[in-house]
Every structure is written in structure tokens, then in C-alpha cells.
């Protein structure tokens, strides 16, 4: 069995959110729904020094993490789904949603530690990243990967990604405790170790996308 997974290099990401918008456009998502979300963390201040008239940065930096469904080895969403709508493909490891049987109970949304499932109110069912499996079947890349200008986001068999890039360090970035074994190699930004935050809704989003 192949287990598809994502590779993300936080140091390479500039926070352009092209991956986020490409995913939104591909899936024709309404306002308020995102299957891939770019989180932003900032640190430092602007200070006016003695004799200065304009503020200057003091230990100022920002970094970004692009997150979607991690297509976990032990997906919490599949475990709690009462209708069997959340499924893990036995050949690719992709976790996807069967909209025909989804009852929109939002149990998966509450169970997922990565906030991946999103309730599509007009349709009445849950949606999430399905790895653009229709693209993969045509031999094409997922939209988020193909639009990343800095190659911060890549994909492939998770064992091959780990062999090429290492295990990454999911525990060093503001992610939940690893209880589902996410198919993710995440290279943290060098400044990550001084941050102390919890993954959740993105405070940097000042407007609904």
C-alpha cells in the first residue's frame, strides 16, 4: 500500500497563501470554508530608539505553516464517523469523505486534532482535503502543491518523503499532540522554538475567505 503524505518546509514558505486560494478555487468553496489554511505567527516589536524619529524592528519576524488534512495512519475522523462517510482508501491512504452518505453531524470536525473537516452548510455535509485524488488519477499534482512558487509544499509516498527529508519535527511546531500519526513531514522554521502557541483558528485572518 502507498501512503500519500505532504512535505512542508516552514522556512521556505513566505505566506503568500497561494496554496490556500488554489485549494479554495478548485473545490469551489464558499466564504468561511477552507480545506487548506495558512497559519501565521509573529514575534517582536517596532521601537523608536533614542534620537530616532521612526520605529525600527526589534527581534521582529514572522513564519507560516500551511496545514490541511494530514491523511493520518489512525484518522480520528474515520473512527468517530457514525455513517461511514469518512473513509481511508486502502491503496493510497487518502482520507476522503463520501458525500452521499454523510449526515453532517460534524463529529469528525470535533475529533480531528488538525481542524481539517469543514461543514459545508449549503450542501449539508462535511468536506475536507481529499489530496485532489481526481488529479492524482490523471497523473497530475494536487492544486496546493502545483501552485506553491517556493516549493515549500510537496507530496508523495510518506516513506519516500521521510527517506529524502527526514522525519521532520512535528512536535517542535504549534501542532496538537501526535495521537493519529499524521502523514506529514514538517520542517519547522528556525525561530519556532521560542514560540508557545496552540494550533487553532488563524488569528491573522482579518477577513473571511
C-alpha atoms as a PDB file:
ATOM      1  CA  UNK A   1       0.000   0.000   0.000  1.00  0.00           C
ATOM      2  CA  UNK A   2       1.116   3.546  -0.765  1.00  0.00           C
ATOM      3  CA  UNK A   3       0.510   6.127   1.937  1.00  0.00           C
ATOM      4  CA  UNK A   4       0.398   9.582   0.394  1.00  0.00           C
ATOM      5  CA  UNK A   5       1.572  12.435   2.576  1.00  0.00           C
ATOM      6  CA  UNK A   6       2.668  16.055   2.483  1.00  0.00           C
ATOM      7  CA  UNK A   7       6.057  17.682   2.992  1.00  0.00           C
ATOM      8  CA  UNK A   8       6.103  21.277   4.216  1.00  0.00           C
ATOM      9  CA  UNK A   9       9.166  23.491   4.784  1.00  0.00           C
ATOM     10  CA  UNK A  10       8.191  26.391   7.037  1.00  0.00           C
ATOM     11  CA  UNK A  11      11.494  28.173   6.415  1.00  0.00           C
ATOM     12  CA  UNK A  12      10.804  28.301   2.663  1.00  0.00           C
ATOM     13  CA  UNK A  13       7.190  29.482   2.983  1.00  0.00           C
ATOM     14  CA  UNK A  14       6.593  33.228   2.511  1.00  0.00           C
ATOM     15  CA  UNK A  15       2.925  33.131   3.498  1.00  0.00           C
ATOM     16  CA  UNK A  16       1.568  34.106   0.086  1.00  0.00           C
ATOM     17  CA  UNK A  17      -1.459  31.803   0.667  1.00  0.00           C
ATOM     18  CA  UNK A  18      -1.498  30.759  -2.987  1.00  0.00           C
ATOM     19  CA  UNK A  19      -1.930  27.128  -1.917  1.00  0.00           C
ATOM     20  CA  UNK A  20      -4.885  28.111   0.246  1.00  0.00           C
ATOM     21  CA  UNK A  21      -6.601  30.012  -2.547  1.00  0.00           C
ATOM     22  CA  UNK A  22      -5.848  27.352  -5.188  1.00  0.00           C
ATOM     23  CA  UNK A  23      -7.495  24.736  -2.968  1.00  0.00           C
ATOM     24  CA  UNK A  24     -10.469  27.003  -2.337  1.00  0.00           C
ATOM     25  CA  UNK A  25     -10.950  27.687  -6.043  1.00  0.00           C
ATOM     26  CA  UNK A  26     -10.520  24.057  -7.073  1.00  0.00           C
ATOM     27  CA  UNK A  27     -13.154  22.921  -4.597  1.00  0.00           C
ATOM     28  CA  UNK A  28     -15.439  25.918  -5.233  1.00  0.00           C
ATOM     29  CA  UNK A  29     -15.673  26.617  -1.506  1.00  0.00           C
ATOM     30  CA  UNK A  30     -17.983  29.294  -0.130  1.00  0.00           C
ATOM     31  CA  UNK A  31     -16.984  32.102   2.211  1.00  0.00           C
ATOM     32  CA  UNK A  32     -15.852  30.742   5.566  1.00  0.00           C
ATOM     33  CA  UNK A  33     -14.730  27.294   4.335  1.00  0.00           C
ATOM     34  CA  UNK A  34     -11.103  26.317   3.813  1.00  0.00           C
ATOM     35  CA  UNK A  35      -9.627  22.859   3.240  1.00  0.00           C
ATOM     36  CA  UNK A  36      -6.051  24.194   3.428  1.00  0.00           C
ATOM     37  CA  UNK A  37      -5.230  27.029   5.793  1.00  0.00           C
ATOM     38  CA  UNK A  38      -2.046  29.063   6.121  1.00  0.00           C
ATOM     39  CA  UNK A  39      -1.354  29.947   9.757  1.00  0.00           C
ATOM     40  CA  UNK A  40       0.841  32.913  10.633  1.00  0.00           C
ATOM     41  CA  UNK A  41       2.800  33.667  13.804  1.00  0.00           C
ATOM     42  CA  UNK A  42       4.582  36.926  14.508  1.00  0.00           C
ATOM     43  CA  UNK A  43       7.046  37.971  17.178  1.00  0.00           C
ATOM     44  CA  UNK A  44       8.917  41.139  18.069  1.00  0.00           C
ATOM     45  CA  UNK A  45       8.127  44.821  18.207  1.00  0.00           C
ATOM     46  CA  UNK A  46       8.800  48.126  16.484  1.00  0.00           C
ATOM     47  CA  UNK A  47      10.673  50.521  18.765  1.00  0.00           C
ATOM     48  CA  UNK A  48      11.778  54.134  18.471  1.00  0.00           C
ATOM     49  CA  UNK A  49      15.331  54.423  19.689  1.00  0.00           C
ATOM     50  CA  UNK A  50      16.937  57.443  21.328  1.00  0.00           C
ATOM     51  CA  UNK A  51      17.428  60.137  18.724  1.00  0.00           C
ATOM     52  CA  UNK A  52      15.322  58.284  16.155  1.00  0.00           C
ATOM     53  CA  UNK A  53      12.104  59.570  14.635  1.00  0.00           C
ATOM     54  CA  UNK A  54      10.934  56.352  13.009  1.00  0.00           C
ATOM     55  CA  UNK A  55      10.437  52.952  14.674  1.00  0.00           C
ATOM     56  CA  UNK A  56      12.864  50.153  13.914  1.00  0.00           C
ATOM     57  CA  UNK A  57      12.239  46.390  14.210  1.00  0.00           C
ATOM     58  CA  UNK A  58      13.348  44.717  17.406  1.00  0.00           C
ATOM     59  CA  UNK A  59      13.659  40.927  17.059  1.00  0.00           C
ATOM     60  CA  UNK A  60      10.823  41.106  14.542  1.00  0.00           C
ATOM     61  CA  UNK A  61       9.952  38.062  12.455  1.00  0.00           C
ATOM     62  CA  UNK A  62       7.040  36.031  11.158  1.00  0.00           C
ATOM     63  CA  UNK A  63       6.671  32.491   9.942  1.00  0.00           C
ATOM     64  CA  UNK A  64       3.940  30.417   8.375  1.00  0.00           C
ATOM     65  CA  UNK A  65       2.585  26.885   8.419  1.00  0.00           C
ATOM     66  CA  UNK A  66       0.299  25.565   5.685  1.00  0.00           C
ATOM     67  CA  UNK A  67      -1.963  22.843   7.023  1.00  0.00           C
ATOM     68  CA  UNK A  68      -4.641  20.624   5.538  1.00  0.00           C
ATOM     69  CA  UNK A  69      -5.804  17.100   6.297  1.00  0.00           C
ATOM     70  CA  UNK A  70      -2.763  15.048   7.316  1.00  0.00           C
ATOM     71  CA  UNK A  71      -4.261  11.779   5.983  1.00  0.00           C
ATOM     72  CA  UNK A  72      -3.314  10.110   9.229  1.00  0.00           C
ATOM     73  CA  UNK A  73      -2.417   6.480   9.753  1.00  0.00           C
ATOM     74  CA  UNK A  74      -5.055   6.372  12.504  1.00  0.00           C
ATOM     75  CA  UNK A  75      -7.517   9.089  11.473  1.00  0.00           C
ATOM     76  CA  UNK A  76      -9.733  10.255  14.326  1.00  0.00           C
ATOM     77  CA  UNK A  77     -12.373  11.432  11.857  1.00  0.00           C
ATOM     78  CA  UNK A  78     -12.847   7.928  10.447  1.00  0.00           C
ATOM     79  CA  UNK A  79     -13.020   6.404  13.921  1.00  0.00           C
ATOM     80  CA  UNK A  80     -15.910   8.611  15.073  1.00  0.00           C
ATOM     81  CA  UNK A  81     -17.944   8.854  11.850  1.00  0.00           C
ATOM     82  CA  UNK A  82     -21.333   7.179  12.529  1.00  0.00           C
ATOM     83  CA  UNK A  83     -22.375   6.851   8.875  1.00  0.00           C
ATOM     84  CA  UNK A  84     -19.143   5.581   7.334  1.00  0.00           C
ATOM     85  CA  UNK A  85     -18.804   8.730   5.237  1.00  0.00           C
ATOM     86  CA  UNK A  86     -15.225   9.310   6.367  1.00  0.00           C
ATOM     87  CA  UNK A  87     -13.075   6.655   4.755  1.00  0.00           C
ATOM     88  CA  UNK A  88      -9.397   5.826   4.354  1.00  0.00           C
ATOM     89  CA  UNK A  89      -8.508   4.458   0.922  1.00  0.00           C
ATOM     90  CA  UNK A  90      -6.724   1.103   1.350  1.00  0.00           C
ATOM     91  CA  UNK A  91      -4.483   1.644  -1.686  1.00  0.00           C
ATOM     92  CA  UNK A  92      -3.380   5.267  -1.266  1.00  0.00           C
ATOM     93  CA  UNK A  93      -4.019   6.009   2.408  1.00  0.00           C
ATOM     94  CA  UNK A  94      -6.004   9.092   1.392  1.00  0.00           C
ATOM     95  CA  UNK A  95      -8.741  10.033   3.862  1.00  0.00           C
ATOM     96  CA  UNK A  96     -11.797  11.235   1.976  1.00  0.00           C
ATOM     97  CA  UNK A  97     -15.488  11.953   2.500  1.00  0.00           C
ATOM     98  CA  UNK A  98     -18.350  10.114   0.813  1.00  0.00           C
ATOM     99  CA  UNK A  99     -20.811  12.977   0.494  1.00  0.00           C
ATOM    100  CA  UNK A 100     -23.635  10.620  -0.482  1.00  0.00           C
ATOM    101  CA  UNK A 101     -23.759   9.081   2.991  1.00  0.00           C
ATOM    102  CA  UNK A 102     -22.527  11.987   5.134  1.00  0.00           C
ATOM    103  CA  UNK A 103     -25.235  13.187   7.537  1.00  0.00           C
ATOM    104  CA  UNK A 104     -23.452  16.407   8.524  1.00  0.00           C
ATOM    105  CA  UNK A 105     -23.281  15.578  12.226  1.00  0.00           C
ATOM    106  CA  UNK A 106     -19.850  17.262  12.492  1.00  0.00           C
ATOM    107  CA  UNK A 107     -18.435  14.525  14.744  1.00  0.00           C
ATOM    108  CA  UNK A 108     -15.319  14.387  12.547  1.00  0.00           C
ATOM    109  CA  UNK A 109     -14.821  18.128  12.903  1.00  0.00           C
ATOM    110  CA  UNK A 110     -14.746  17.826  16.691  1.00  0.00           C
ATOM    111  CA  UNK A 111     -12.471  14.771  16.690  1.00  0.00           C
ATOM    112  CA  UNK A 112      -9.818  15.967  14.221  1.00  0.00           C
ATOM    113  CA  UNK A 113      -6.791  17.491  16.019  1.00  0.00           C
ATOM    114  CA  UNK A 114      -5.850  19.423  12.861  1.00  0.00           C
ATOM    115  CA  UNK A 115      -9.210  21.133  12.257  1.00  0.00           C
ATOM    116  CA  UNK A 116      -9.339  19.588   8.783  1.00  0.00           C
ATOM    117  CA  UNK A 117     -13.039  18.753   8.175  1.00  0.00           C
ATOM    118  CA  UNK A 118     -15.239  21.728   7.308  1.00  0.00           C
ATOM    119  CA  UNK A 119     -19.027  21.795   7.335  1.00  0.00           C
ATOM    120  CA  UNK A 120     -20.479  22.920   4.004  1.00  0.00           C
ATOM    121  CA  UNK A 121     -23.736  24.404   5.213  1.00  0.00           C
ATOM    122  CA  UNK A 122     -25.476  24.781   1.867  1.00  0.00           C
ATOM    123  CA  UNK A 123     -24.752  21.168   0.870  1.00  0.00           C
ATOM    124  CA  UNK A 124     -25.387  19.814   4.380  1.00  0.00           C
ATOM    125  CA  UNK A 125     -22.292  17.608   4.523  1.00  0.00           C
ATOM    126  CA  UNK A 126     -18.671  17.691   5.605  1.00  0.00           C
ATOM    127  CA  UNK A 127     -15.822  18.454   3.244  1.00  0.00           C
ATOM    128  CA  UNK A 128     -12.058  18.287   3.545  1.00  0.00           C
ATOM    129  CA  UNK A 129      -8.844  17.874   1.591  1.00  0.00           C
ATOM    130  CA  UNK A 130      -9.008  14.639  -0.403  1.00  0.00           C
ATOM    131  CA  UNK A 131      -5.486  15.098  -1.784  1.00  0.00           C
ATOM    132  CA  UNK A 132      -7.053  16.158  -5.107  1.00  0.00           C
ATOM    133  CA  UNK A 133      -7.416  12.442  -5.800  1.00  0.00           C
ATOM    134  CA  UNK A 134      -9.071  13.188  -9.132  1.00  0.00           C
ATOM    135  CA  UNK A 135      -5.867  14.995 -10.090  1.00  0.00           C
ATOM    136  CA  UNK A 136      -3.707  12.097  -8.923  1.00  0.00           C
ATOM    137  CA  UNK A 137      -5.755   9.667 -11.023  1.00  0.00           C
ATOM    138  CA  UNK A 138      -4.851  11.788 -14.078  1.00  0.00           C
ATOM    139  CA  UNK A 139      -1.182  11.794 -13.106  1.00  0.00           C
ATOM    140  CA  UNK A 140      -1.286  15.452 -12.020  1.00  0.00           C
ATOM    141  CA  UNK A 141      -0.213  17.134  -8.795  1.00  0.00           C
ATOM    142  CA  UNK A 142      -2.604  18.385  -6.103  1.00  0.00           C
ATOM    143  CA  UNK A 143      -3.507  22.032  -6.679  1.00  0.00           C
ATOM    144  CA  UNK A 144      -1.845  23.257  -3.480  1.00  0.00           C
ATOM    145  CA  UNK A 145       1.476  21.680  -4.491  1.00  0.00           C
ATOM    146  CA  UNK A 146       1.420  22.719  -8.127  1.00  0.00           C
ATOM    147  CA  UNK A 147       0.830  26.379  -7.218  1.00  0.00           C
ATOM    148  CA  UNK A 148       3.499  26.735  -4.497  1.00  0.00           C
ATOM    149  CA  UNK A 149       6.065  29.075  -6.074  1.00  0.00           C
ATOM    150  CA  UNK A 150       8.755  28.413  -3.442  1.00  0.00           C
ATOM    151  CA  UNK A 151       8.384  24.604  -3.456  1.00  0.00           C
ATOM    152  CA  UNK A 152       7.703  24.761   0.279  1.00  0.00           C
ATOM    153  CA  UNK A 153       4.902  22.246  -0.191  1.00  0.00           C
ATOM    154  CA  UNK A 154       5.435  18.832  -1.802  1.00  0.00           C
ATOM    155  CA  UNK A 155       3.782  15.429  -1.736  1.00  0.00           C
ATOM    156  CA  UNK A 156       4.472  11.754  -2.327  1.00  0.00           C
ATOM    157  CA  UNK A 157       4.675   8.421  -0.594  1.00  0.00           C
ATOM    158  CA  UNK A 158       5.297   9.331   3.044  1.00  0.00           C
ATOM    159  CA  UNK A 159       8.066   6.745   3.422  1.00  0.00           C
ATOM    160  CA  UNK A 160       9.896   8.221   0.423  1.00  0.00           C
ATOM    161  CA  UNK A 161       9.452  11.752   1.750  1.00  0.00           C
ATOM    162  CA  UNK A 162      10.870  10.739   5.126  1.00  0.00           C
ATOM    163  CA  UNK A 163      13.770   8.961   3.451  1.00  0.00           C
ATOM    164  CA  UNK A 164      14.593  12.108   1.453  1.00  0.00           C
ATOM    165  CA  UNK A 165      13.912  14.848   4.016  1.00  0.00           C
ATOM    166  CA  UNK A 166      13.982  13.064   7.358  1.00  0.00           C
ATOM    167  CA  UNK A 167      11.197  12.746   9.886  1.00  0.00           C
ATOM    168  CA  UNK A 168      10.794  16.479  10.324  1.00  0.00           C
ATOM    169  CA  UNK A 169       9.809  17.751  13.741  1.00  0.00           C
ATOM    170  CA  UNK A 170       6.065  17.956  14.192  1.00  0.00           C
ATOM    171  CA  UNK A 171       6.469  18.288  17.957  1.00  0.00           C
ATOM    172  CA  UNK A 172       8.575  21.459  17.579  1.00  0.00           C
ATOM    173  CA  UNK A 173       5.799  23.465  15.974  1.00  0.00           C
ATOM    174  CA  UNK A 174       2.405  24.513  17.379  1.00  0.00           C
ATOM    175  CA  UNK A 175       0.518  21.351  16.488  1.00  0.00           C
ATOM    176  CA  UNK A 176      -1.582  19.112  18.740  1.00  0.00           C
ATOM    177  CA  UNK A 177      -0.047  16.085  20.390  1.00  0.00           C
ATOM    178  CA  UNK A 178       0.660  13.358  17.847  1.00  0.00           C
ATOM    179  CA  UNK A 179      -2.095  10.831  18.503  1.00  0.00           C
ATOM    180  CA  UNK A 180      -3.088   9.945  14.939  1.00  0.00           C
ATOM    181  CA  UNK A 181       0.328   9.505  13.264  1.00  0.00           C
ATOM    182  CA  UNK A 182      -0.110  12.192  10.574  1.00  0.00           C
ATOM    183  CA  UNK A 183       1.352  11.555   7.127  1.00  0.00           C
ATOM    184  CA  UNK A 184       3.326  14.759   7.296  1.00  0.00           C
ATOM    185  CA  UNK A 185       6.984  15.738   7.164  1.00  0.00           C
ATOM    186  CA  UNK A 186       7.133  19.243   8.581  1.00  0.00           C
ATOM    187  CA  UNK A 187      10.387  21.187   8.668  1.00  0.00           C
ATOM    188  CA  UNK A 188       9.967  23.900  11.325  1.00  0.00           C
ATOM    189  CA  UNK A 189      11.162  27.471  10.968  1.00  0.00           C
ATOM    190  CA  UNK A 190      14.424  28.166  12.879  1.00  0.00           C
ATOM    191  CA  UNK A 191      12.569  30.635  15.134  1.00  0.00           C
ATOM    192  CA  UNK A 192       9.870  28.149  16.079  1.00  0.00           C
ATOM    193  CA  UNK A 193      11.416  27.096  19.384  1.00  0.00           C
ATOM    194  CA  UNK A 194      10.720  30.450  21.055  1.00  0.00           C
ATOM    195  CA  UNK A 195       7.015  30.336  20.266  1.00  0.00           C
ATOM    196  CA  UNK A 196       4.396  28.951  22.625  1.00  0.00           C
ATOM    197  CA  UNK A 197       1.038  28.792  20.871  1.00  0.00           C
ATOM    198  CA  UNK A 198      -1.628  26.238  20.088  1.00  0.00           C
ATOM    199  CA  UNK A 199      -2.885  25.371  16.619  1.00  0.00           C
ATOM    200  CA  UNK A 200      -6.430  26.513  16.066  1.00  0.00           C
ATOM    201  CA  UNK A 201      -8.242  29.258  14.218  1.00  0.00           C
ATOM    202  CA  UNK A 202      -5.789  31.562  12.456  1.00  0.00           C
ATOM    203  CA  UNK A 203      -5.703  34.904  14.296  1.00  0.00           C
ATOM    204  CA  UNK A 204      -4.028  36.541  11.300  1.00  0.00           C
ATOM    205  CA  UNK A 205      -7.149  36.156   9.134  1.00  0.00           C
ATOM    206  CA  UNK A 206      -8.788  39.549   9.486  1.00  0.00           C
ATOM    207  CA  UNK A 207     -11.485  38.730   6.937  1.00  0.00           C
ATOM    208  CA  UNK A 208     -13.359  35.632   5.877  1.00  0.00           C
ATOM    209  CA  UNK A 209     -12.070  33.882   2.758  1.00  0.00           C
END
